[in-house]
Amino acid sequence: MSTAEVTQLVGAPNSVKSQGDVLIYVWVYVSSFSGTRTLRVDFRDGKAISAPPIPPEFQD
């Protein structure tokens, strides 16, 4: 997926940093019920190169 596709799906990231030729997008979600969750997706040349696995409860 491209950076545009990911941000369209998840929203704007809370932070973006670079590490060499990799851009790291980080989202932070805070809930008084479930606590704090973070999502990190790494991009190179505008394409996602790593993302966390999809939890089983969200899979078909």
C-alpha atoms as a PDB file:
ATOM      1  CA  MET A   1       0.000   0.000   0.000  1.00  0.00           C
ATOM      2  CA  SER A   2       1.077   3.568  -0.573  1.00  0.00           C
ATOM      3  CA  THR A   3       1.359   6.237   2.107  1.00  0.00           C
ATOM      4  CA  ALA A   4      -1.786   7.878   0.693  1.00  0.00           C
ATOM      5  CA  GLU A   5      -3.753   4.613   0.866  1.00  0.00           C
ATOM      6  CA  VAL A   6      -2.688   3.944   4.457  1.00  0.00           C
ATOM      7  CA  THR A   7      -3.464   7.470   5.671  1.00  0.00           C
ATOM      8  CA  GLN A   8      -6.820   7.371   3.881  1.00  0.00           C
ATOM      9  CA  LEU A   9      -7.624   4.143   5.724  1.00  0.00           C
ATOM     10  CA  VAL A  10      -6.164   4.969   9.173  1.00  0.00           C
ATOM     11  CA  GLY A  11      -6.025   8.774   9.209  1.00  0.00           C
ATOM     12  CA  ALA A  12      -3.138  11.155   9.628  1.00  0.00           C
ATOM     13  CA  PRO A  13      -0.288   9.779  11.746  1.00  0.00           C
ATOM     14  CA  ASN A  14       0.586  11.327  15.088  1.00  0.00           C
ATOM     15  CA  SER A  15       4.262  11.393  14.137  1.00  0.00           C
ATOM     16  CA  VAL A  16       6.510  10.788  11.170  1.00  0.00           C
ATOM     17  CA  LYS A  17      10.253  10.306  11.388  1.00  0.00           C
ATOM     18  CA  SER A  18      12.927   9.147   9.002  1.00  0.00           C
ATOM     19  CA  GLN A  19      15.589   6.527   9.499  1.00  0.00           C
ATOM     20  CA  GLY A  20      17.847   6.457   6.471  1.00  0.00           C
ATOM     21  CA  ASP A  21      15.610   5.968   3.436  1.00  0.00           C
ATOM     22  CA  VAL A  22      12.684   4.697   5.559  1.00  0.00           C
ATOM     23  CA  LEU A  23       9.811   6.895   6.735  1.00  0.00           C
ATOM     24  CA  ILE A  24       8.202   5.684   9.954  1.00  0.00           C
ATOM     25  CA  TYR A  25       4.557   6.624  10.505  1.00  0.00           C
ATOM     26  CA  VAL A  26       3.198   6.183  14.035  1.00  0.00           C
ATOM     27  CA  TRP A  27      -0.402   6.384  15.212  1.00  0.00           C
ATOM     28  CA  VAL A  28      -1.335   6.487  18.903  1.00  0.00           C
ATOM     29  CA  TYR A  29      -4.815   5.655  20.183  1.00  0.00           C
ATOM     30  CA  VAL A  30      -5.722   6.348  23.799  1.00  0.00           C
ATOM     31  CA  SER A  31      -8.843   4.968  25.441  1.00  0.00           C
ATOM     32  CA  SER A  32      -9.819   4.978  29.082  1.00  0.00           C
ATOM     33  CA  PHE A  33     -11.252   1.481  28.559  1.00  0.00           C
ATOM     34  CA  SER A  34      -8.526  -0.266  26.560  1.00  0.00           C
ATOM     35  CA  GLY A  35      -5.482   1.863  27.381  1.00  0.00           C
ATOM     36  CA  THR A  36      -2.949   3.105  24.845  1.00  0.00           C
ATOM     37  CA  ARG A  37      -2.343   1.377  21.537  1.00  0.00           C
ATOM     38  CA  THR A  38       0.200   2.254  18.890  1.00  0.00           C
ATOM     39  CA  LEU A  39       0.453   1.396  15.218  1.00  0.00           C
ATOM     40  CA  ARG A  40       3.685   1.704  13.249  1.00  0.00           C
ATOM     41  CA  VAL A  41       4.058   1.338   9.489  1.00  0.00           C
ATOM     42  CA  ASP A  42       7.400   1.737   7.710  1.00  0.00           C
ATOM     43  CA  PHE A  43       7.542   3.106   4.156  1.00  0.00           C
ATOM     44  CA  ARG A  44      10.255   3.168   1.517  1.00  0.00           C
ATOM     45  CA  ASP A  45       9.775   4.983  -1.792  1.00  0.00           C
ATOM     46  CA  GLY A  46       6.139   5.695  -0.885  1.00  0.00           C
ATOM     47  CA  LYS A  47       5.211   2.033  -0.310  1.00  0.00           C
ATOM     48  CA  ALA A  48       4.649   0.155   2.952  1.00  0.00           C
ATOM     49  CA  ILE A  49       7.490  -2.246   3.699  1.00  0.00           C
ATOM     50  CA  SER A  50       6.441  -3.405   7.168  1.00  0.00           C
ATOM     51  CA  ALA A  51       3.310  -3.364   9.268  1.00  0.00           C
ATOM     52  CA  PRO A  52       2.067  -5.248  12.300  1.00  0.00           C
ATOM     53  CA  PRO A  53       0.164  -8.492  11.812  1.00  0.00           C
ATOM     54  CA  ILE A  54      -3.622  -8.339  11.693  1.00  0.00           C
ATOM     55  CA  PRO A  55      -5.122  -9.721  14.929  1.00  0.00           C
ATOM     56  CA  PRO A  56      -7.142 -12.938  14.440  1.00  0.00           C
ATOM     57  CA  GLU A  57     -10.424 -11.270  15.468  1.00  0.00           C
ATOM     58  CA  PHE A  58     -10.141  -8.945  12.442  1.00  0.00           C
ATOM     59  CA  GLN A  59      -9.354 -11.659   9.908  1.00  0.00           C
ATOM     60  CA  ASP A  60     -11.952 -13.425   7.760  1.00  0.00           C
END
